N, C-alpha and C. Protein backbone atom coordinates (compact mmCIF):
# COMPACT_ATOMS: atom_id res chain seq x y z
N UNK A 1 -59.85 -14.92 -24.48
CA UNK A 1 -58.98 -15.62 -23.59
C UNK A 1 -58.67 -14.83 -22.29
N UNK A 2 -58.81 -15.43 -21.21
CA UNK A 2 -58.66 -14.70 -19.93
C UNK A 2 -57.65 -15.47 -18.98
N UNK A 3 -56.79 -14.70 -18.35
CA UNK A 3 -55.88 -15.16 -17.30
C UNK A 3 -56.43 -14.78 -16.01
N UNK A 4 -56.42 -15.67 -15.03
CA UNK A 4 -57.05 -15.45 -13.77
C UNK A 4 -56.18 -15.96 -12.57
N UNK A 5 -55.89 -15.17 -11.58
CA UNK A 5 -55.29 -15.51 -10.36
C UNK A 5 -56.25 -15.48 -9.26
N UNK A 6 -56.97 -16.54 -8.82
CA UNK A 6 -57.92 -16.53 -7.75
C UNK A 6 -57.16 -16.83 -6.43
N UNK A 7 -56.28 -15.99 -6.03
CA UNK A 7 -55.53 -16.27 -4.89
C UNK A 7 -56.30 -16.45 -3.61
N UNK A 8 -57.44 -15.70 -3.48
CA UNK A 8 -58.19 -15.70 -2.26
C UNK A 8 -59.07 -16.99 -2.12
N UNK A 9 -59.67 -17.44 -3.15
CA UNK A 9 -60.62 -18.57 -3.04
C UNK A 9 -60.14 -19.83 -3.75
N UNK A 10 -59.14 -19.81 -4.60
CA UNK A 10 -58.60 -21.03 -5.20
C UNK A 10 -59.39 -21.36 -6.48
N UNK A 11 -58.72 -22.31 -7.25
CA UNK A 11 -59.24 -22.62 -8.64
C UNK A 11 -60.60 -23.41 -8.57
N UNK A 12 -60.66 -24.37 -7.64
CA UNK A 12 -61.86 -25.16 -7.54
C UNK A 12 -63.12 -24.36 -7.38
N UNK A 13 -63.07 -23.43 -6.33
CA UNK A 13 -64.27 -22.65 -6.08
C UNK A 13 -64.52 -21.65 -7.23
N UNK A 14 -63.49 -21.19 -7.86
CA UNK A 14 -63.63 -20.26 -8.99
C UNK A 14 -64.36 -20.97 -10.13
N UNK A 15 -63.96 -22.14 -10.46
CA UNK A 15 -64.67 -22.97 -11.54
C UNK A 15 -66.08 -23.16 -11.15
N UNK A 16 -66.37 -23.49 -9.89
CA UNK A 16 -67.71 -23.69 -9.45
C UNK A 16 -68.56 -22.38 -9.66
N UNK A 17 -68.01 -21.25 -9.37
CA UNK A 17 -68.73 -19.94 -9.55
C UNK A 17 -68.98 -19.65 -10.98
N UNK A 18 -68.02 -19.98 -11.82
CA UNK A 18 -68.18 -19.63 -13.22
C UNK A 18 -69.25 -20.59 -13.78
N UNK A 19 -69.29 -21.84 -13.39
CA UNK A 19 -70.29 -22.83 -13.76
C UNK A 19 -71.66 -22.42 -13.25
N UNK A 20 -71.73 -21.87 -12.00
CA UNK A 20 -73.05 -21.51 -11.46
C UNK A 20 -73.59 -20.30 -12.20
N UNK A 21 -72.81 -19.39 -12.63
CA UNK A 21 -73.33 -18.27 -13.43
C UNK A 21 -73.81 -18.83 -14.84
N UNK A 22 -73.06 -19.70 -15.40
CA UNK A 22 -73.38 -20.24 -16.69
C UNK A 22 -74.56 -21.17 -16.63
N UNK A 23 -74.64 -21.95 -15.65
CA UNK A 23 -75.74 -22.97 -15.62
C UNK A 23 -76.90 -22.55 -14.74
N UNK A 24 -76.82 -21.42 -14.11
CA UNK A 24 -77.87 -20.87 -13.29
C UNK A 24 -78.37 -21.89 -12.21
N UNK A 25 -77.40 -22.33 -11.42
CA UNK A 25 -77.78 -23.18 -10.27
C UNK A 25 -77.09 -22.59 -9.00
N UNK A 26 -77.51 -23.06 -7.87
CA UNK A 26 -77.02 -22.50 -6.57
C UNK A 26 -75.69 -23.11 -6.17
N UNK A 27 -74.67 -22.36 -6.19
CA UNK A 27 -73.30 -22.81 -5.83
C UNK A 27 -73.29 -23.11 -4.32
N UNK A 28 -74.04 -22.35 -3.57
CA UNK A 28 -74.09 -22.57 -2.15
C UNK A 28 -74.70 -23.94 -1.78
N UNK A 29 -75.80 -24.32 -2.43
CA UNK A 29 -76.48 -25.56 -2.17
C UNK A 29 -75.58 -26.70 -2.66
N UNK A 30 -74.80 -26.54 -3.73
CA UNK A 30 -73.95 -27.57 -4.14
C UNK A 30 -72.82 -27.77 -3.14
N UNK A 31 -72.32 -26.67 -2.56
CA UNK A 31 -71.24 -26.82 -1.62
C UNK A 31 -71.68 -27.53 -0.32
N UNK A 32 -72.94 -27.32 0.10
CA UNK A 32 -73.39 -27.91 1.46
C UNK A 32 -74.15 -29.24 1.17
N UNK A 33 -74.28 -29.68 -0.02
CA UNK A 33 -74.92 -30.95 -0.28
C UNK A 33 -76.38 -30.96 -0.29
N UNK A 34 -77.03 -29.79 -0.56
CA UNK A 34 -78.41 -29.66 -0.56
C UNK A 34 -79.07 -29.49 -1.94
N UNK A 35 -78.27 -29.78 -3.02
CA UNK A 35 -78.73 -29.61 -4.43
C UNK A 35 -79.73 -30.67 -4.74
N UNK A 36 -80.66 -30.31 -5.59
CA UNK A 36 -81.62 -31.29 -6.21
C UNK A 36 -80.93 -32.08 -7.28
N UNK A 37 -81.55 -33.13 -7.72
CA UNK A 37 -80.97 -33.93 -8.82
C UNK A 37 -80.88 -33.09 -10.11
N UNK A 38 -81.82 -32.13 -10.30
CA UNK A 38 -81.70 -31.31 -11.44
C UNK A 38 -80.56 -30.36 -11.34
N UNK A 39 -80.28 -29.83 -10.13
CA UNK A 39 -79.17 -28.88 -9.90
C UNK A 39 -77.83 -29.68 -10.19
N UNK A 40 -77.76 -30.89 -9.68
CA UNK A 40 -76.54 -31.68 -9.86
C UNK A 40 -76.25 -31.93 -11.34
N UNK A 41 -77.32 -32.23 -12.08
CA UNK A 41 -77.17 -32.40 -13.55
C UNK A 41 -76.71 -31.11 -14.21
N UNK A 42 -77.37 -29.98 -13.85
CA UNK A 42 -77.06 -28.64 -14.42
C UNK A 42 -75.65 -28.35 -14.11
N UNK A 43 -75.21 -28.63 -12.87
CA UNK A 43 -73.83 -28.29 -12.46
C UNK A 43 -72.89 -29.11 -13.27
N UNK A 44 -73.13 -30.38 -13.44
CA UNK A 44 -72.20 -31.20 -14.19
C UNK A 44 -72.09 -30.80 -15.62
N UNK A 45 -73.22 -30.46 -16.20
CA UNK A 45 -73.31 -29.96 -17.62
C UNK A 45 -72.58 -28.65 -17.78
N UNK A 46 -72.79 -27.73 -16.76
CA UNK A 46 -72.18 -26.44 -16.90
C UNK A 46 -70.64 -26.51 -16.74
N UNK A 47 -70.25 -27.34 -15.80
CA UNK A 47 -68.74 -27.51 -15.56
C UNK A 47 -68.12 -28.07 -16.80
N UNK A 48 -68.79 -29.00 -17.47
CA UNK A 48 -68.26 -29.60 -18.70
C UNK A 48 -68.12 -28.54 -19.79
N UNK A 49 -69.08 -27.57 -19.87
CA UNK A 49 -69.01 -26.58 -20.87
C UNK A 49 -67.94 -25.48 -20.50
N UNK A 50 -67.95 -24.98 -19.29
CA UNK A 50 -67.09 -23.92 -18.95
C UNK A 50 -65.60 -24.39 -18.91
N UNK A 51 -65.42 -25.71 -18.65
CA UNK A 51 -63.98 -26.16 -18.64
C UNK A 51 -63.29 -26.05 -19.98
N UNK A 52 -64.13 -25.90 -21.04
CA UNK A 52 -63.61 -25.80 -22.40
C UNK A 52 -63.45 -24.32 -22.79
N UNK A 53 -63.86 -23.41 -21.96
CA UNK A 53 -63.62 -22.00 -22.27
C UNK A 53 -62.16 -21.60 -22.16
N UNK A 54 -61.75 -20.59 -22.89
CA UNK A 54 -60.30 -20.12 -22.80
C UNK A 54 -60.13 -19.32 -21.53
N UNK A 55 -60.23 -19.96 -20.41
CA UNK A 55 -59.99 -19.39 -19.11
C UNK A 55 -58.77 -20.14 -18.50
N UNK A 56 -57.72 -19.40 -18.24
CA UNK A 56 -56.50 -20.03 -17.74
C UNK A 56 -56.22 -19.54 -16.32
N UNK A 57 -56.27 -20.51 -15.39
CA UNK A 57 -56.33 -20.20 -13.96
C UNK A 57 -55.00 -20.69 -13.31
N UNK A 58 -54.43 -19.81 -12.47
CA UNK A 58 -53.33 -20.20 -11.63
C UNK A 58 -53.55 -19.71 -10.21
N UNK A 59 -53.74 -20.63 -9.27
CA UNK A 59 -54.00 -20.24 -7.93
C UNK A 59 -52.97 -20.37 -6.88
N UNK A 60 -51.70 -20.85 -7.33
CA UNK A 60 -50.60 -20.81 -6.47
C UNK A 60 -50.25 -19.39 -6.02
N UNK A 61 -49.99 -19.13 -4.74
CA UNK A 61 -49.61 -17.81 -4.37
C UNK A 61 -48.25 -17.47 -4.92
N UNK A 62 -48.13 -16.35 -5.57
CA UNK A 62 -46.92 -15.96 -6.28
C UNK A 62 -46.48 -14.58 -5.84
N UNK A 63 -45.24 -14.26 -6.20
CA UNK A 63 -44.70 -12.88 -6.06
C UNK A 63 -45.19 -12.16 -7.33
N UNK A 64 -44.99 -10.81 -7.27
CA UNK A 64 -45.39 -9.97 -8.42
C UNK A 64 -44.58 -10.36 -9.60
N UNK A 65 -43.32 -10.66 -9.46
CA UNK A 65 -42.47 -11.01 -10.59
C UNK A 65 -42.91 -12.39 -11.18
N UNK A 66 -43.24 -13.30 -10.32
CA UNK A 66 -43.76 -14.56 -10.80
C UNK A 66 -45.08 -14.42 -11.56
N UNK A 67 -45.95 -13.49 -11.06
CA UNK A 67 -47.16 -13.18 -11.82
C UNK A 67 -46.82 -12.69 -13.20
N UNK A 68 -45.82 -11.84 -13.34
CA UNK A 68 -45.39 -11.32 -14.65
C UNK A 68 -44.92 -12.47 -15.53
N UNK A 69 -44.17 -13.38 -15.04
CA UNK A 69 -43.65 -14.48 -15.80
C UNK A 69 -44.80 -15.33 -16.36
N UNK A 70 -45.72 -15.66 -15.44
CA UNK A 70 -46.87 -16.48 -15.87
C UNK A 70 -47.72 -15.78 -16.92
N UNK A 71 -48.03 -14.50 -16.65
CA UNK A 71 -48.89 -13.75 -17.54
C UNK A 71 -48.22 -13.54 -18.93
N UNK A 72 -46.92 -13.32 -18.93
CA UNK A 72 -46.19 -13.16 -20.17
C UNK A 72 -46.26 -14.44 -20.98
N UNK A 73 -46.11 -15.57 -20.31
CA UNK A 73 -46.16 -16.93 -20.96
C UNK A 73 -47.59 -17.11 -21.56
N UNK A 74 -48.59 -16.80 -20.75
CA UNK A 74 -50.00 -17.03 -21.27
C UNK A 74 -50.38 -16.06 -22.38
N UNK A 75 -49.74 -14.90 -22.37
CA UNK A 75 -50.04 -13.92 -23.47
C UNK A 75 -49.40 -14.47 -24.75
N UNK A 76 -48.21 -15.07 -24.69
CA UNK A 76 -47.59 -15.63 -25.88
C UNK A 76 -48.26 -16.92 -26.34
N UNK A 77 -48.58 -17.80 -25.40
CA UNK A 77 -49.09 -19.15 -25.75
C UNK A 77 -50.60 -19.14 -26.07
N UNK A 78 -51.39 -18.43 -25.25
CA UNK A 78 -52.81 -18.52 -25.36
C UNK A 78 -53.52 -17.16 -25.72
N UNK A 79 -52.68 -16.15 -25.94
CA UNK A 79 -53.19 -14.88 -26.41
C UNK A 79 -54.28 -14.20 -25.47
N UNK A 80 -54.02 -14.34 -24.14
CA UNK A 80 -54.92 -13.75 -23.15
C UNK A 80 -55.08 -12.29 -23.45
N UNK A 81 -56.33 -11.82 -23.32
CA UNK A 81 -56.65 -10.47 -23.62
C UNK A 81 -56.98 -9.61 -22.33
N UNK A 82 -57.05 -10.26 -21.24
CA UNK A 82 -57.33 -9.61 -19.96
C UNK A 82 -56.83 -10.48 -18.87
N UNK A 83 -56.38 -9.83 -17.73
CA UNK A 83 -55.87 -10.60 -16.57
C UNK A 83 -56.61 -10.05 -15.31
N UNK A 84 -57.06 -11.05 -14.46
CA UNK A 84 -57.66 -10.75 -13.20
C UNK A 84 -56.76 -11.25 -12.07
N UNK A 85 -56.60 -10.37 -11.08
CA UNK A 85 -55.84 -10.76 -9.85
C UNK A 85 -56.74 -10.54 -8.66
N UNK A 86 -57.00 -11.66 -7.99
CA UNK A 86 -57.89 -11.60 -6.80
C UNK A 86 -57.24 -12.40 -5.65
N UNK A 87 -56.55 -11.70 -4.70
CA UNK A 87 -56.67 -10.24 -4.50
C UNK A 87 -55.23 -9.64 -4.33
N UNK A 88 -55.13 -8.33 -4.42
CA UNK A 88 -53.82 -7.67 -4.29
C UNK A 88 -53.12 -8.10 -2.98
N UNK A 89 -53.91 -8.15 -1.92
CA UNK A 89 -53.27 -8.43 -0.60
C UNK A 89 -52.60 -9.79 -0.50
N UNK A 90 -52.98 -10.73 -1.41
CA UNK A 90 -52.47 -12.08 -1.35
C UNK A 90 -51.17 -12.32 -2.23
N UNK A 91 -50.71 -11.24 -2.90
CA UNK A 91 -49.49 -11.37 -3.58
C UNK A 91 -48.37 -11.45 -2.60
N UNK A 92 -47.51 -12.48 -2.83
CA UNK A 92 -46.42 -12.72 -1.82
C UNK A 92 -45.44 -11.56 -1.95
N UNK A 93 -44.94 -11.16 -0.72
CA UNK A 93 -43.92 -10.08 -0.69
C UNK A 93 -43.10 -10.27 0.58
N UNK A 94 -41.90 -9.73 0.62
CA UNK A 94 -41.09 -9.92 1.79
C UNK A 94 -41.58 -9.13 2.97
N UNK A 95 -42.14 -7.97 2.75
CA UNK A 95 -42.70 -7.22 3.86
C UNK A 95 -44.00 -6.71 3.52
N UNK A 96 -44.86 -6.31 4.49
CA UNK A 96 -46.15 -5.74 4.30
C UNK A 96 -46.11 -4.35 4.86
N UNK A 97 -45.90 -3.43 3.93
CA UNK A 97 -45.89 -2.02 4.28
C UNK A 97 -46.23 -1.20 3.04
N UNK A 98 -46.35 0.12 3.14
CA UNK A 98 -46.72 0.94 2.02
C UNK A 98 -45.70 0.92 0.94
N UNK A 99 -44.44 0.82 1.29
CA UNK A 99 -43.35 0.76 0.30
C UNK A 99 -43.51 -0.49 -0.55
N UNK A 100 -43.79 -1.58 0.08
CA UNK A 100 -44.03 -2.86 -0.62
C UNK A 100 -45.20 -2.75 -1.55
N UNK A 101 -46.31 -2.22 -0.99
CA UNK A 101 -47.48 -2.04 -1.81
C UNK A 101 -47.28 -1.22 -3.04
N UNK A 102 -46.46 -0.14 -2.90
CA UNK A 102 -46.15 0.74 -4.07
C UNK A 102 -45.36 -0.09 -5.10
N UNK A 103 -44.41 -0.89 -4.65
CA UNK A 103 -43.62 -1.71 -5.57
C UNK A 103 -44.48 -2.72 -6.39
N UNK A 104 -45.42 -3.41 -5.63
CA UNK A 104 -46.24 -4.35 -6.32
C UNK A 104 -47.17 -3.68 -7.38
N UNK A 105 -47.68 -2.50 -6.93
CA UNK A 105 -48.52 -1.75 -7.87
C UNK A 105 -47.79 -1.27 -9.11
N UNK A 106 -46.57 -0.82 -8.97
CA UNK A 106 -45.73 -0.42 -10.12
C UNK A 106 -45.41 -1.56 -11.04
N UNK A 107 -45.14 -2.73 -10.43
CA UNK A 107 -44.86 -3.91 -11.25
C UNK A 107 -46.10 -4.33 -12.14
N UNK A 108 -47.28 -4.27 -11.50
CA UNK A 108 -48.49 -4.65 -12.21
C UNK A 108 -48.80 -3.67 -13.35
N UNK A 109 -48.62 -2.36 -13.06
CA UNK A 109 -48.73 -1.31 -14.10
C UNK A 109 -47.80 -1.55 -15.28
N UNK A 110 -46.54 -1.86 -14.93
CA UNK A 110 -45.60 -2.11 -16.00
C UNK A 110 -46.00 -3.32 -16.85
N UNK A 111 -46.48 -4.39 -16.16
CA UNK A 111 -46.95 -5.53 -16.91
C UNK A 111 -48.14 -5.22 -17.82
N UNK A 112 -49.06 -4.44 -17.43
CA UNK A 112 -50.16 -4.08 -18.28
C UNK A 112 -49.68 -3.29 -19.47
N UNK A 113 -48.78 -2.38 -19.34
CA UNK A 113 -48.21 -1.71 -20.46
C UNK A 113 -47.52 -2.60 -21.40
N UNK A 114 -46.69 -3.51 -20.82
CA UNK A 114 -45.80 -4.33 -21.65
C UNK A 114 -46.64 -5.39 -22.47
N UNK A 115 -47.65 -5.94 -21.81
CA UNK A 115 -48.49 -6.93 -22.60
C UNK A 115 -49.61 -6.24 -23.34
N UNK A 116 -49.91 -4.91 -23.05
CA UNK A 116 -50.91 -4.18 -23.73
C UNK A 116 -52.23 -4.88 -23.51
N UNK A 117 -52.59 -5.25 -22.25
CA UNK A 117 -53.91 -5.74 -21.87
C UNK A 117 -54.32 -5.05 -20.60
N UNK A 118 -55.69 -5.04 -20.36
CA UNK A 118 -56.19 -4.53 -19.08
C UNK A 118 -55.95 -5.56 -18.01
N UNK A 119 -55.57 -5.11 -16.81
CA UNK A 119 -55.42 -5.94 -15.72
C UNK A 119 -56.38 -5.48 -14.59
N UNK A 120 -57.31 -6.34 -14.16
CA UNK A 120 -58.26 -5.93 -13.11
C UNK A 120 -57.77 -6.54 -11.83
N UNK A 121 -57.48 -5.70 -10.81
CA UNK A 121 -56.95 -6.11 -9.59
C UNK A 121 -58.03 -5.91 -8.43
N UNK A 122 -58.45 -6.95 -7.79
CA UNK A 122 -59.41 -6.87 -6.66
C UNK A 122 -58.62 -6.56 -5.39
N UNK A 123 -59.09 -5.59 -4.57
CA UNK A 123 -58.46 -5.24 -3.37
C UNK A 123 -59.51 -4.91 -2.29
N UNK A 124 -59.07 -4.80 -1.06
CA UNK A 124 -59.92 -4.58 0.10
C UNK A 124 -59.85 -3.13 0.47
N UNK A 125 -60.78 -2.75 1.41
CA UNK A 125 -60.87 -1.40 1.91
C UNK A 125 -60.76 -1.44 3.40
N UNK A 126 -60.45 -0.31 4.00
CA UNK A 126 -60.44 -0.11 5.43
C UNK A 126 -61.75 0.55 5.78
N UNK A 127 -62.54 -0.06 6.67
CA UNK A 127 -63.80 0.49 7.10
C UNK A 127 -64.14 0.01 8.56
N UNK A 128 -64.26 0.96 9.47
CA UNK A 128 -64.65 0.53 10.83
C UNK A 128 -65.99 -0.14 10.89
N UNK A 129 -66.18 -1.07 11.79
CA UNK A 129 -67.51 -1.70 11.94
C UNK A 129 -68.58 -0.66 12.24
N UNK A 130 -69.68 -0.80 11.59
CA UNK A 130 -70.82 0.13 11.85
C UNK A 130 -70.75 1.38 11.05
N UNK A 131 -69.72 1.63 10.27
CA UNK A 131 -69.63 2.80 9.47
C UNK A 131 -70.36 2.62 8.15
N UNK A 132 -71.48 3.31 7.97
CA UNK A 132 -72.38 3.07 6.88
C UNK A 132 -72.27 4.19 5.77
N UNK A 133 -71.10 4.90 5.87
CA UNK A 133 -70.86 5.98 4.88
C UNK A 133 -70.40 5.42 3.57
N UNK A 134 -70.45 6.23 2.49
CA UNK A 134 -69.91 5.80 1.24
C UNK A 134 -68.48 5.63 1.24
N UNK A 135 -68.00 4.57 0.49
CA UNK A 135 -66.54 4.46 0.36
C UNK A 135 -66.01 5.49 -0.54
N UNK A 136 -64.72 5.85 -0.35
CA UNK A 136 -63.97 6.71 -1.26
C UNK A 136 -62.61 6.06 -1.56
N UNK A 137 -61.94 6.63 -2.47
CA UNK A 137 -60.65 6.09 -2.83
C UNK A 137 -59.68 6.11 -1.62
N UNK A 138 -59.88 6.97 -0.69
CA UNK A 138 -59.02 7.00 0.51
C UNK A 138 -59.21 5.81 1.42
N UNK A 139 -60.28 5.06 1.23
CA UNK A 139 -60.56 3.84 2.04
C UNK A 139 -59.81 2.63 1.53
N UNK A 140 -59.16 2.73 0.35
CA UNK A 140 -58.50 1.58 -0.19
C UNK A 140 -57.23 1.28 0.69
N UNK A 141 -57.09 0.01 0.99
CA UNK A 141 -55.97 -0.39 1.88
C UNK A 141 -54.63 -0.08 1.18
N UNK A 142 -53.63 0.31 2.02
CA UNK A 142 -52.31 0.59 1.42
C UNK A 142 -52.08 2.07 1.21
N UNK A 143 -51.10 2.33 0.42
CA UNK A 143 -50.74 3.75 0.21
C UNK A 143 -51.61 4.37 -0.88
N UNK A 144 -51.53 5.68 -1.03
CA UNK A 144 -52.20 6.40 -2.07
C UNK A 144 -51.65 6.09 -3.41
N UNK A 145 -50.50 5.47 -3.50
CA UNK A 145 -49.93 5.17 -4.81
C UNK A 145 -50.74 4.16 -5.60
N UNK A 146 -51.37 3.23 -4.86
CA UNK A 146 -52.26 2.23 -5.51
C UNK A 146 -53.31 2.91 -6.24
N UNK A 147 -53.99 3.86 -5.61
CA UNK A 147 -55.05 4.72 -6.20
C UNK A 147 -54.53 5.47 -7.46
N UNK A 148 -53.34 6.07 -7.22
CA UNK A 148 -52.78 6.92 -8.24
C UNK A 148 -52.43 6.11 -9.44
N UNK A 149 -51.89 4.87 -9.29
CA UNK A 149 -51.54 3.98 -10.39
C UNK A 149 -52.68 3.50 -11.21
N UNK A 150 -53.82 3.35 -10.56
CA UNK A 150 -54.99 2.76 -11.28
C UNK A 150 -55.55 3.71 -12.37
N UNK A 151 -55.86 3.13 -13.50
CA UNK A 151 -56.51 3.96 -14.59
C UNK A 151 -57.96 4.12 -14.27
N UNK A 152 -58.55 3.12 -13.61
CA UNK A 152 -59.93 3.25 -13.20
C UNK A 152 -60.15 2.54 -11.85
N UNK A 153 -60.94 3.16 -11.02
CA UNK A 153 -61.25 2.56 -9.70
C UNK A 153 -62.77 2.39 -9.58
N UNK A 154 -63.19 1.16 -9.36
CA UNK A 154 -64.60 0.77 -9.19
C UNK A 154 -64.82 0.31 -7.75
N UNK A 155 -65.67 0.99 -7.06
CA UNK A 155 -65.89 0.63 -5.65
C UNK A 155 -67.29 -0.07 -5.57
N UNK A 156 -67.31 -1.16 -4.74
CA UNK A 156 -68.61 -1.86 -4.37
C UNK A 156 -69.19 -1.10 -3.16
N UNK A 157 -70.22 -0.36 -3.41
CA UNK A 157 -70.89 0.33 -2.34
C UNK A 157 -72.06 -0.37 -1.81
N UNK A 158 -72.18 -0.49 -0.52
CA UNK A 158 -73.35 -1.15 0.11
C UNK A 158 -73.84 -0.26 1.23
N UNK A 159 -75.14 0.00 1.32
CA UNK A 159 -75.75 0.74 2.33
C UNK A 159 -77.07 0.14 2.73
N UNK A 160 -77.37 0.38 4.05
CA UNK A 160 -78.70 -0.13 4.57
C UNK A 160 -79.75 0.93 4.32
N UNK A 161 -80.81 0.54 3.60
CA UNK A 161 -81.85 1.43 3.24
C UNK A 161 -82.73 1.67 4.49
N UNK A 162 -83.75 2.63 4.27
CA UNK A 162 -84.58 2.95 5.41
C UNK A 162 -85.42 1.84 5.92
N UNK A 163 -85.78 0.85 4.98
CA UNK A 163 -86.62 -0.28 5.42
C UNK A 163 -85.78 -1.43 5.94
N UNK A 164 -84.46 -1.25 6.07
CA UNK A 164 -83.65 -2.27 6.68
C UNK A 164 -82.90 -3.16 5.60
N UNK A 165 -83.35 -3.10 4.38
CA UNK A 165 -82.74 -3.90 3.29
C UNK A 165 -81.34 -3.28 2.98
N UNK A 166 -80.59 -4.15 2.26
CA UNK A 166 -79.24 -3.70 1.86
C UNK A 166 -79.23 -3.38 0.37
N UNK A 167 -78.75 -2.20 0.03
CA UNK A 167 -78.63 -1.82 -1.44
C UNK A 167 -77.21 -1.71 -1.78
N UNK A 168 -76.97 -2.06 -3.07
CA UNK A 168 -75.59 -2.14 -3.58
C UNK A 168 -75.51 -1.28 -4.87
N UNK A 169 -74.30 -0.72 -4.99
CA UNK A 169 -73.96 0.00 -6.24
C UNK A 169 -72.56 -0.32 -6.64
N UNK A 170 -72.27 -0.34 -7.95
CA UNK A 170 -70.92 -0.31 -8.47
C UNK A 170 -70.63 1.17 -8.79
N UNK A 171 -69.67 1.74 -8.16
CA UNK A 171 -69.37 3.12 -8.46
C UNK A 171 -68.04 3.22 -9.18
N UNK A 172 -68.03 3.86 -10.38
CA UNK A 172 -66.81 4.19 -11.05
C UNK A 172 -66.37 5.52 -10.47
N UNK A 173 -65.45 5.36 -9.52
CA UNK A 173 -65.05 6.57 -8.70
C UNK A 173 -63.89 7.32 -9.38
N UNK A 174 -63.16 6.61 -10.17
CA UNK A 174 -62.01 7.27 -10.98
C UNK A 174 -62.05 6.68 -12.32
N UNK A 175 -61.83 7.46 -13.37
CA UNK A 175 -61.89 6.94 -14.76
C UNK A 175 -61.01 7.88 -15.61
N UNK A 176 -59.82 7.43 -15.95
CA UNK A 176 -58.97 8.28 -16.79
C UNK A 176 -59.49 8.46 -18.21
N UNK A 177 -60.38 7.57 -18.66
CA UNK A 177 -60.74 7.54 -20.01
C UNK A 177 -62.26 7.75 -20.27
N UNK A 178 -62.96 8.14 -19.29
CA UNK A 178 -64.42 8.30 -19.44
C UNK A 178 -65.10 8.87 -18.25
N UNK A 179 -66.44 8.70 -18.17
CA UNK A 179 -67.23 9.30 -17.10
C UNK A 179 -67.15 8.46 -15.89
N UNK A 180 -67.56 9.11 -14.77
CA UNK A 180 -67.70 8.39 -13.47
C UNK A 180 -69.20 8.39 -13.11
N UNK A 181 -69.52 7.58 -12.09
CA UNK A 181 -70.90 7.47 -11.75
C UNK A 181 -71.25 6.16 -11.09
N UNK A 182 -72.54 6.08 -10.57
CA UNK A 182 -72.92 4.88 -9.83
C UNK A 182 -73.92 4.05 -10.69
N UNK A 183 -73.83 2.72 -10.53
CA UNK A 183 -74.76 1.80 -11.15
C UNK A 183 -75.41 0.97 -10.12
N UNK A 184 -76.74 1.08 -9.90
CA UNK A 184 -77.42 0.24 -8.87
C UNK A 184 -77.40 -1.24 -9.27
N UNK A 185 -76.99 -2.11 -8.38
CA UNK A 185 -76.83 -3.46 -8.68
C UNK A 185 -77.69 -4.40 -7.71
N UNK A 186 -78.10 -5.52 -8.25
CA UNK A 186 -78.74 -6.57 -7.39
C UNK A 186 -77.81 -7.73 -7.29
N UNK A 187 -77.56 -8.15 -6.07
CA UNK A 187 -76.70 -9.35 -5.83
C UNK A 187 -77.49 -10.62 -5.70
N UNK A 188 -77.18 -11.60 -6.57
CA UNK A 188 -77.82 -12.90 -6.43
C UNK A 188 -76.74 -13.81 -5.79
N UNK A 189 -76.78 -13.86 -4.53
CA UNK A 189 -75.61 -14.40 -3.79
C UNK A 189 -75.39 -15.90 -4.07
N UNK A 190 -76.45 -16.68 -4.19
CA UNK A 190 -76.25 -18.15 -4.33
C UNK A 190 -75.88 -18.50 -5.80
N UNK A 191 -75.83 -17.45 -6.71
CA UNK A 191 -75.35 -17.67 -8.08
C UNK A 191 -74.05 -16.93 -8.26
N UNK A 192 -73.53 -16.25 -7.21
CA UNK A 192 -72.34 -15.44 -7.29
C UNK A 192 -72.42 -14.48 -8.50
N UNK A 193 -73.49 -13.77 -8.52
CA UNK A 193 -73.81 -13.01 -9.76
C UNK A 193 -74.32 -11.61 -9.39
N UNK A 194 -74.03 -10.66 -10.21
CA UNK A 194 -74.49 -9.29 -10.04
C UNK A 194 -75.29 -8.92 -11.27
N UNK A 195 -76.42 -8.21 -11.15
CA UNK A 195 -77.21 -7.78 -12.25
C UNK A 195 -77.49 -6.34 -12.02
N UNK A 196 -77.40 -5.51 -13.09
CA UNK A 196 -77.67 -4.09 -13.01
C UNK A 196 -79.18 -3.90 -12.70
N UNK A 197 -79.50 -3.11 -11.70
CA UNK A 197 -80.91 -2.86 -11.32
C UNK A 197 -81.49 -1.69 -12.05
N UNK A 198 -82.69 -1.83 -12.56
CA UNK A 198 -83.30 -0.79 -13.25
C UNK A 198 -83.97 0.17 -12.22
N UNK A 199 -83.64 1.51 -12.33
CA UNK A 199 -84.24 2.44 -11.48
C UNK A 199 -85.40 3.13 -12.20
N UNK A 200 -86.60 3.11 -11.67
CA UNK A 200 -87.77 3.74 -12.29
C UNK A 200 -88.00 5.11 -11.68
N UNK A 201 -88.23 6.04 -12.56
CA UNK A 201 -88.52 7.47 -12.11
C UNK A 201 -89.85 7.94 -12.64
N UNK A 202 -90.40 8.89 -11.98
CA UNK A 202 -91.68 9.50 -12.47
C UNK A 202 -91.32 10.68 -13.42
N UNK A 203 -92.35 11.39 -13.82
CA UNK A 203 -92.15 12.47 -14.79
C UNK A 203 -91.30 13.59 -14.30
N UNK A 204 -91.17 13.72 -12.97
CA UNK A 204 -90.35 14.77 -12.35
C UNK A 204 -88.93 14.32 -12.07
N UNK A 205 -88.68 13.03 -12.45
CA UNK A 205 -87.31 12.50 -12.29
C UNK A 205 -87.07 11.88 -10.92
N UNK A 206 -88.16 11.73 -10.08
CA UNK A 206 -88.02 11.19 -8.73
C UNK A 206 -88.06 9.68 -8.78
N UNK A 207 -87.26 9.01 -7.95
CA UNK A 207 -87.21 7.61 -7.92
C UNK A 207 -88.53 6.98 -7.50
N UNK A 208 -89.03 6.01 -8.18
CA UNK A 208 -90.29 5.36 -7.81
C UNK A 208 -89.92 4.00 -7.29
N UNK A 209 -90.35 3.78 -6.02
CA UNK A 209 -90.07 2.44 -5.39
C UNK A 209 -90.94 1.33 -5.96
N UNK A 210 -90.38 0.20 -6.20
CA UNK A 210 -91.09 -0.92 -6.77
C UNK A 210 -92.10 -1.46 -5.75
């Protein structure tokens, strides 16, 4: 059972994306009315199936304390085992400053400890246009307290390769309970899906391009 706050994109689009992953159809084509009859059938069937999954969604913008109340209720009623918050910047607060960020972060950490479940919080980074360097924890928006509070930090790294294509990695940049490292990923954008990319190497350990 999963609790989910899709503050940024809302419940309707979130259900579409879950169905797109499950049914393997293009969410983008469905959105713009270019789906085939087969895609529409697959979408309807997938939505029917995923709507029965134990996924509990709340997309009203809430304060951190309201998030705690909702999550506590879902933990008691539906035994949720993980909570997603997308995104940190959309949590309602009286002011937008580092002190407020610190307070929201501390409330979420306290909630995770109290409910004894992992809470995955999506957040944005600061990056000047045209900057193609690797992200670091220092690029996370807000104060350093957010980084300090997190038990694990995973960065979505994107860089332009020599041939002009874009390459992606999930980097475990901080991990209190295990190793760090990068995982090469392939993005299937019209399925809203990420797949780990297999890297081939030769006998000397050098990367072999496909």
